[in-house]
Protein backbone atom coordinates (compact mmCIF):
# COMPACT_ATOMS: atom_id res chain seq x y z
CA MET A 1 -19.84 6.25 6.62
CA ALA A 2 -18.96 3.24 8.81
CA THR A 3 -19.09 0.98 5.72
CA LEU A 4 -16.66 3.26 3.86
CA ILE A 5 -14.25 3.26 6.82
CA ALA A 6 -14.49 -0.54 7.05
CA LEU A 7 -13.75 -0.89 3.32
CA LEU A 8 -10.76 1.45 3.55
CA ALA A 9 -9.39 -0.40 6.57
CA ALA A 10 -9.91 -3.75 4.82
CA ALA A 11 -7.75 -2.67 1.88
CA ALA A 12 -5.01 -0.83 3.77
CA LEU A 13 -1.50 -0.79 2.30
CA SER A 14 1.42 -0.70 4.74
CA ALA A 15 5.21 -1.12 4.81
CA GLN A 16 7.55 -2.44 7.47
CA PRO A 17 9.73 -0.52 8.11
CA ALA A 18 7.59 2.54 7.30
CA LYS A 19 10.75 4.66 6.73
CA MET A 20 14.02 3.46 5.22
CA VAL A 21 17.68 4.49 5.41
CA LEU A 22 19.32 4.05 2.01
CA GLY A 23 22.49 2.01 2.16
CA LYS A 24 21.38 0.37 5.42
CA ASP A 25 17.84 -1.00 4.95
CA ALA A 26 17.83 -3.68 2.23
CA SER A 27 14.05 -3.80 1.69
CA ALA A 28 10.63 -3.16 3.21
CA ASP A 29 7.83 -5.72 3.52
CA LEU A 30 4.60 -4.51 1.89
CA THR A 31 1.20 -5.79 3.05
CA LEU A 32 -2.14 -5.13 1.38
CA ARG A 33 -5.55 -6.36 2.48
CA ALA A 34 -7.68 -7.08 -0.59
CA PRO A 35 -10.35 -9.62 -1.57
CA ALA A 36 -8.95 -13.09 -2.28
CA GLY A 37 -10.24 -13.03 -5.87
CA ALA A 38 -8.73 -9.65 -6.73
CA LYS A 39 -5.85 -9.09 -9.14
CA VAL A 40 -3.17 -6.82 -7.64
CA THR A 41 -0.61 -4.95 -9.75
CA TRP A 42 2.31 -3.21 -8.03
CA SER A 43 4.36 -0.22 -9.18
CA THR A 44 6.63 2.39 -7.60
CA SER A 45 8.13 5.78 -8.46
CA VAL A 46 11.66 4.70 -7.44
CA GLY A 47 13.15 1.30 -6.67
CA THR A 48 11.26 -1.90 -7.45
CA VAL A 49 8.54 -4.15 -6.03
CA SER A 50 9.23 -7.89 -6.13
CA ASP A 51 8.16 -11.25 -4.70
CA ALA A 52 4.42 -10.50 -4.75
CA SER A 53 2.30 -13.30 -3.28
CA ARG A 54 -1.16 -13.81 -1.80
CA ALA A 55 -2.22 -15.64 1.35
CA GLY A 56 -6.01 -15.44 1.79
CA ASP A 57 -7.02 -11.77 1.76
CA ALA A 58 -3.46 -10.54 2.41
CA TRP A 59 -1.02 -9.68 -0.36
CA HIS A 60 2.69 -9.46 0.44
CA ALA A 61 5.55 -8.02 -1.59
CA LYS A 62 9.01 -6.52 -1.09
CA PHE A 63 9.91 -2.92 -1.82
CA ASN A 64 13.55 -2.69 -2.92
CA PRO A 65 14.96 0.86 -2.67
CA PRO A 66 17.02 2.44 -5.46
CA SER A 67 20.82 2.11 -5.44
CA LEU A 68 21.27 5.88 -5.13
CA HIS A 69 21.72 7.09 -1.56
CA SER A 70 20.22 10.56 -1.95
CA PRO A 71 17.10 11.25 0.15
CA SER A 72 13.74 10.91 -1.60
CA VAL A 73 10.27 9.46 -1.20
CA ALA A 74 9.07 6.27 -2.86
CA LEU A 75 5.43 6.31 -3.93
CA VAL A 76 4.15 2.73 -4.04
CA LEU A 77 0.93 1.92 -5.88
CA ALA A 78 -1.14 -1.23 -5.43
CA GLN A 79 -3.81 -1.41 -8.12
CA VAL A 80 -6.62 -3.77 -7.12
CA ASP A 81 -8.92 -5.05 -9.90
CA GLU A 82 -11.96 -7.18 -9.09
CA ASP A 83 -15.16 -7.79 -11.05
CA GLY A 84 -14.60 -4.77 -13.32
CA ASP A 85 -13.93 -2.42 -10.37
CA ARG A 86 -10.55 -0.79 -9.74
CA GLU A 87 -9.14 0.60 -6.49
CA LEU A 88 -5.83 2.43 -6.19
CA HIS A 89 -3.92 2.26 -2.90
CA TRP A 90 -0.96 4.61 -2.49
CA LEU A 91 1.78 4.54 0.13
CA ALA A 92 4.65 7.01 0.61
CA ILE A 93 7.88 5.54 2.01
CA PRO A 94 10.41 8.20 3.12
CA LEU A 95 13.96 7.28 2.04
CA SER A 96 16.68 8.92 4.14
CA GLY A 97 20.18 9.23 2.74
CA SER A 98 23.30 7.85 4.37
CA ASP A 99 26.83 8.65 3.29
CA THR A 100 30.36 9.35 4.49
CA LEU A 101 32.09 12.68 4.02
CA GLU A 102 35.87 13.10 4.08
CA VAL A 103 37.09 16.56 5.10
CA GLU A 104 40.66 17.87 5.04
CA THR A 105 41.56 21.01 7.01
CA ARG A 106 44.52 22.67 8.61
CA PRO A 107 45.33 21.66 12.21
CA GLY A 108 43.15 23.50 14.72
CA SER A 109 40.41 24.34 12.20
CA GLU A 110 36.78 23.98 13.22
CA VAL A 111 34.48 21.99 10.96
CA VAL A 112 30.72 22.52 11.10
CA ALA A 113 28.19 20.32 9.31
CA LEU A 114 24.45 20.89 8.95
CA VAL A 115 22.63 17.56 8.83
CA ALA A 116 18.84 17.53 8.54
CA GLY A 117 18.73 20.98 10.14
CA ALA A 118 21.01 19.98 13.04
CA ARG A 119 24.35 21.79 13.50
CA LEU A 120 27.29 19.51 14.34
CA ALA A 121 30.66 21.06 15.24
CA SER A 122 34.00 19.26 14.83
CA GLN A 123 34.07 18.13 18.49
CA GLU A 124 30.78 16.24 17.95
CA LEU A 125 31.76 14.92 14.53
CA TRP A 126 34.95 13.21 15.72
CA ASN A 127 33.50 11.65 18.89
């Protein structure tokens, strides 16, 4: 069991930042620990992965989010091939949306917005 945990830790895939705000965060730095002789292939469900490079047993790449600003989750896959063996390492990167909303009302009207489950009334929205 300890060997399995050590192997999993040795090939961990991570992103910095771990969560992104679309329209604000330009990219996330991906890091993967894998054997120096391994071939690593990157793919993602949304956005792109670019600038892949290796330094020793660490692989680095950039995750570039999609141009749409609607919330979603990017599933990043690092496929590691070495000596006929294949390992798949998945990482979920939450992508929060960011946008501006223009509202027209009559003077004295109250505006209420629900954002991520939080209720914001007009007094809070304008301050």
